[in-house]
């Protein structure tokens, strides 16, 4: 007899607030989705999810992105981006371009990087579609709309907090 692994929702008590239940459901679902994608990318391409995410951001910007912008988009420290960039540059997947200011470096996909990302991205899209297939397209759109409301609320609250500080 196999048992389900414990997840964030196992902490719940019957009388917990609905917002806490929702938070833990979102956290659990995100963790499970990320774990599935992480292992599939690793098996398919021997690439880590953070490296894939960085290539994904660069693929959308043909002229490249500054390291600080990449850091903000990936929601990681500049040091993390630098470490990933070093690895990807050694493999010939990205190149560093110096700006007018020596501190400003732009990272850009190489032709090899664009090709490698394209191969992985196609598989990634199929995996995400499969993993979310428990929901109909209409349900997916509804959930996306609801999460969009929460995202907007959080961003507005964060902006207010920053202005007050």
Protein backbone atom coordinates (compact mmCIF):
# COMPACT_ATOMS: atom_id res chain seq x y z
CA UNK A 1 0.00 0.00 0.00
CA UNK A 2 1.50 3.33 -1.08
CA UNK A 3 0.67 6.54 0.67
CA UNK A 4 0.54 10.00 -0.85
CA UNK A 5 3.53 12.15 0.02
CA UNK A 6 2.75 14.91 2.49
CA UNK A 7 2.24 18.37 1.04
CA UNK A 8 1.51 21.87 2.27
CA UNK A 9 -2.19 21.14 2.68
CA UNK A 10 -1.58 18.44 5.28
CA UNK A 11 -1.13 21.28 7.81
CA UNK A 12 -4.76 22.32 7.44
CA UNK A 13 -7.29 22.11 10.22
CA UNK A 14 -11.03 22.04 9.60
CA UNK A 15 -11.48 25.50 11.14
CA UNK A 16 -8.67 27.23 9.19
CA UNK A 17 -9.75 30.33 7.28
CA UNK A 18 -10.66 29.76 3.63
CA UNK A 19 -7.87 32.12 2.57
CA UNK A 20 -5.32 29.90 4.35
CA UNK A 21 -6.77 26.82 2.65
CA UNK A 22 -6.55 28.53 -0.73
CA UNK A 23 -2.99 29.73 -0.09
CA UNK A 24 -1.84 26.20 0.75
CA UNK A 25 -3.69 24.73 -2.26
CA UNK A 26 -1.97 27.24 -4.56
CA UNK A 27 1.40 26.54 -2.99
CA UNK A 28 0.96 22.77 -3.25
CA UNK A 29 -0.25 22.92 -6.84
CA UNK A 30 2.56 25.24 -7.90
CA UNK A 31 5.14 23.02 -6.23
CA UNK A 32 3.76 19.90 -7.91
CA UNK A 33 3.63 21.57 -11.34
CA UNK A 34 7.14 22.97 -10.99
CA UNK A 35 8.50 19.60 -9.87
CA UNK A 36 6.94 17.84 -12.86
CA UNK A 37 8.27 20.43 -15.32
CA UNK A 38 11.70 20.46 -13.65
CA UNK A 39 12.09 16.68 -13.98
CA UNK A 40 10.79 16.60 -17.56
CA UNK A 41 13.17 19.34 -18.68
CA UNK A 42 16.06 17.58 -16.96
CA UNK A 43 15.20 14.22 -18.59
CA UNK A 44 14.60 15.77 -22.02
CA UNK A 45 17.56 18.11 -22.23
CA UNK A 46 19.72 17.76 -19.11
CA UNK A 47 18.99 21.44 -18.44
CA UNK A 48 17.85 22.94 -15.16
CA UNK A 49 14.58 24.83 -14.88
CA UNK A 50 16.31 28.11 -13.89
CA UNK A 51 18.52 27.92 -16.99
CA UNK A 52 15.47 27.23 -19.14
CA UNK A 53 13.65 30.19 -17.56
CA UNK A 54 16.57 32.51 -18.30
CA UNK A 55 16.72 31.36 -21.93
CA UNK A 56 12.96 31.84 -22.15
CA UNK A 57 13.23 35.47 -21.09
CA UNK A 58 16.01 36.12 -23.60
CA UNK A 59 14.12 34.40 -26.42
CA UNK A 60 11.39 37.03 -26.10
CA UNK A 61 13.89 39.88 -26.42
CA UNK A 62 15.98 39.58 -29.62
CA UNK A 63 18.19 42.52 -28.58
CA UNK A 64 18.87 40.91 -25.21
CA UNK A 65 18.23 42.04 -21.66
CA UNK A 66 20.32 43.76 -19.04
CA UNK A 67 21.30 41.54 -16.13
CA UNK A 68 19.25 43.62 -13.68
CA UNK A 69 16.14 43.27 -15.83
CA UNK A 70 16.66 39.52 -16.04
CA UNK A 71 17.00 39.38 -12.27
CA UNK A 72 13.71 41.25 -11.83
CA UNK A 73 11.84 39.13 -14.37
CA UNK A 74 13.11 35.86 -12.91
CA UNK A 75 12.57 37.12 -9.34
CA UNK A 76 16.07 36.04 -8.28
CA UNK A 77 19.18 37.91 -7.18
CA UNK A 78 21.62 39.41 -9.66
CA UNK A 79 24.19 36.93 -8.34
CA UNK A 80 21.96 34.03 -9.37
CA UNK A 81 21.60 35.49 -12.86
CA UNK A 82 25.37 35.98 -13.10
CA UNK A 83 25.99 32.34 -12.17
CA UNK A 84 23.47 31.08 -14.71
CA UNK A 85 24.85 33.43 -17.35
CA UNK A 86 28.39 32.18 -16.75
CA UNK A 87 27.29 28.57 -17.32
CA UNK A 88 25.22 29.38 -20.41
CA UNK A 89 27.99 31.52 -21.88
CA UNK A 90 30.53 28.69 -21.47
CA UNK A 91 28.14 26.43 -23.39
CA UNK A 92 27.79 28.99 -26.17
CA UNK A 93 24.07 29.56 -25.56
CA UNK A 94 24.30 33.24 -24.55
CA UNK A 95 26.69 36.10 -25.11
CA UNK A 96 27.44 39.16 -23.01
CA UNK A 97 27.33 42.56 -24.65
CA UNK A 98 28.86 45.54 -22.88
CA UNK A 99 26.90 48.76 -22.78
CA UNK A 100 28.17 52.31 -22.56
CA UNK A 101 28.37 51.93 -18.79
CA UNK A 102 30.83 49.20 -17.78
CA UNK A 103 28.41 48.09 -15.07
CA UNK A 104 25.63 47.49 -17.58
CA UNK A 105 25.93 44.18 -19.35
CA UNK A 106 23.30 42.85 -21.70
CA UNK A 107 22.79 39.14 -22.15
CA UNK A 108 21.63 37.87 -25.53
CA UNK A 109 20.88 34.44 -26.99
CA UNK A 110 23.32 33.09 -29.53
CA UNK A 111 22.10 31.23 -32.61
CA UNK A 112 22.88 27.96 -30.82
CA UNK A 113 21.01 29.19 -27.74
CA UNK A 114 17.97 30.10 -29.81
CA UNK A 115 17.96 26.66 -31.48
CA UNK A 116 18.44 24.77 -28.22
CA UNK A 117 15.73 26.79 -26.48
CA UNK A 118 13.32 26.21 -29.39
CA UNK A 119 13.71 22.45 -29.09
CA UNK A 120 13.05 22.47 -25.35
CA UNK A 121 10.26 25.07 -25.52
CA UNK A 122 8.20 22.94 -27.88
CA UNK A 123 8.32 20.00 -25.47
CA UNK A 124 7.72 22.34 -22.50
CA UNK A 125 4.51 23.65 -24.05
CA UNK A 126 3.20 20.10 -24.57
CA UNK A 127 4.04 19.21 -20.95
CA UNK A 128 2.22 22.24 -19.54
CA UNK A 129 -0.83 21.53 -21.68
CA UNK A 130 -0.82 17.93 -20.47
CA UNK A 131 -0.31 18.82 -16.81
CA UNK A 132 -3.20 21.29 -16.83
CA UNK A 133 -5.52 19.07 -18.86
CA UNK A 134 -7.55 18.26 -15.73
CA UNK A 135 -9.25 21.61 -16.46
CA UNK A 136 -11.23 22.41 -19.59
CA UNK A 137 -10.03 25.39 -21.63
CA UNK A 138 -12.94 27.39 -20.19
CA UNK A 139 -11.98 26.42 -16.62
CA UNK A 140 -8.36 27.32 -17.34
CA UNK A 141 -9.45 30.76 -18.55
CA UNK A 142 -11.66 31.27 -15.50
CA UNK A 143 -8.86 30.28 -13.11
CA UNK A 144 -6.45 32.55 -14.98
CA UNK A 145 -8.88 35.46 -14.64
CA UNK A 146 -9.33 34.85 -10.91
CA UNK A 147 -5.58 34.60 -10.31
CA UNK A 148 -5.14 37.76 -12.38
CA UNK A 149 -7.38 39.61 -9.92
CA UNK A 150 -5.26 38.40 -7.01
CA UNK A 151 -2.07 39.35 -8.86
CA UNK A 152 -3.35 42.87 -9.54
CA UNK A 153 -4.43 43.26 -5.91
CA UNK A 154 -1.02 42.15 -4.67
CA UNK A 155 0.87 44.42 -7.07
CA UNK A 156 -1.26 47.42 -6.11
CA UNK A 157 -0.74 46.68 -2.41
CA UNK A 158 3.00 46.30 -2.94
CA UNK A 159 3.17 49.62 -4.79
CA UNK A 160 1.30 51.36 -1.96
CA UNK A 161 3.66 49.86 0.63
CA UNK A 162 6.72 51.02 -1.34
CA UNK A 163 5.35 54.55 -1.68
CA UNK A 164 4.67 54.73 2.07
CA UNK A 165 8.18 53.50 2.98
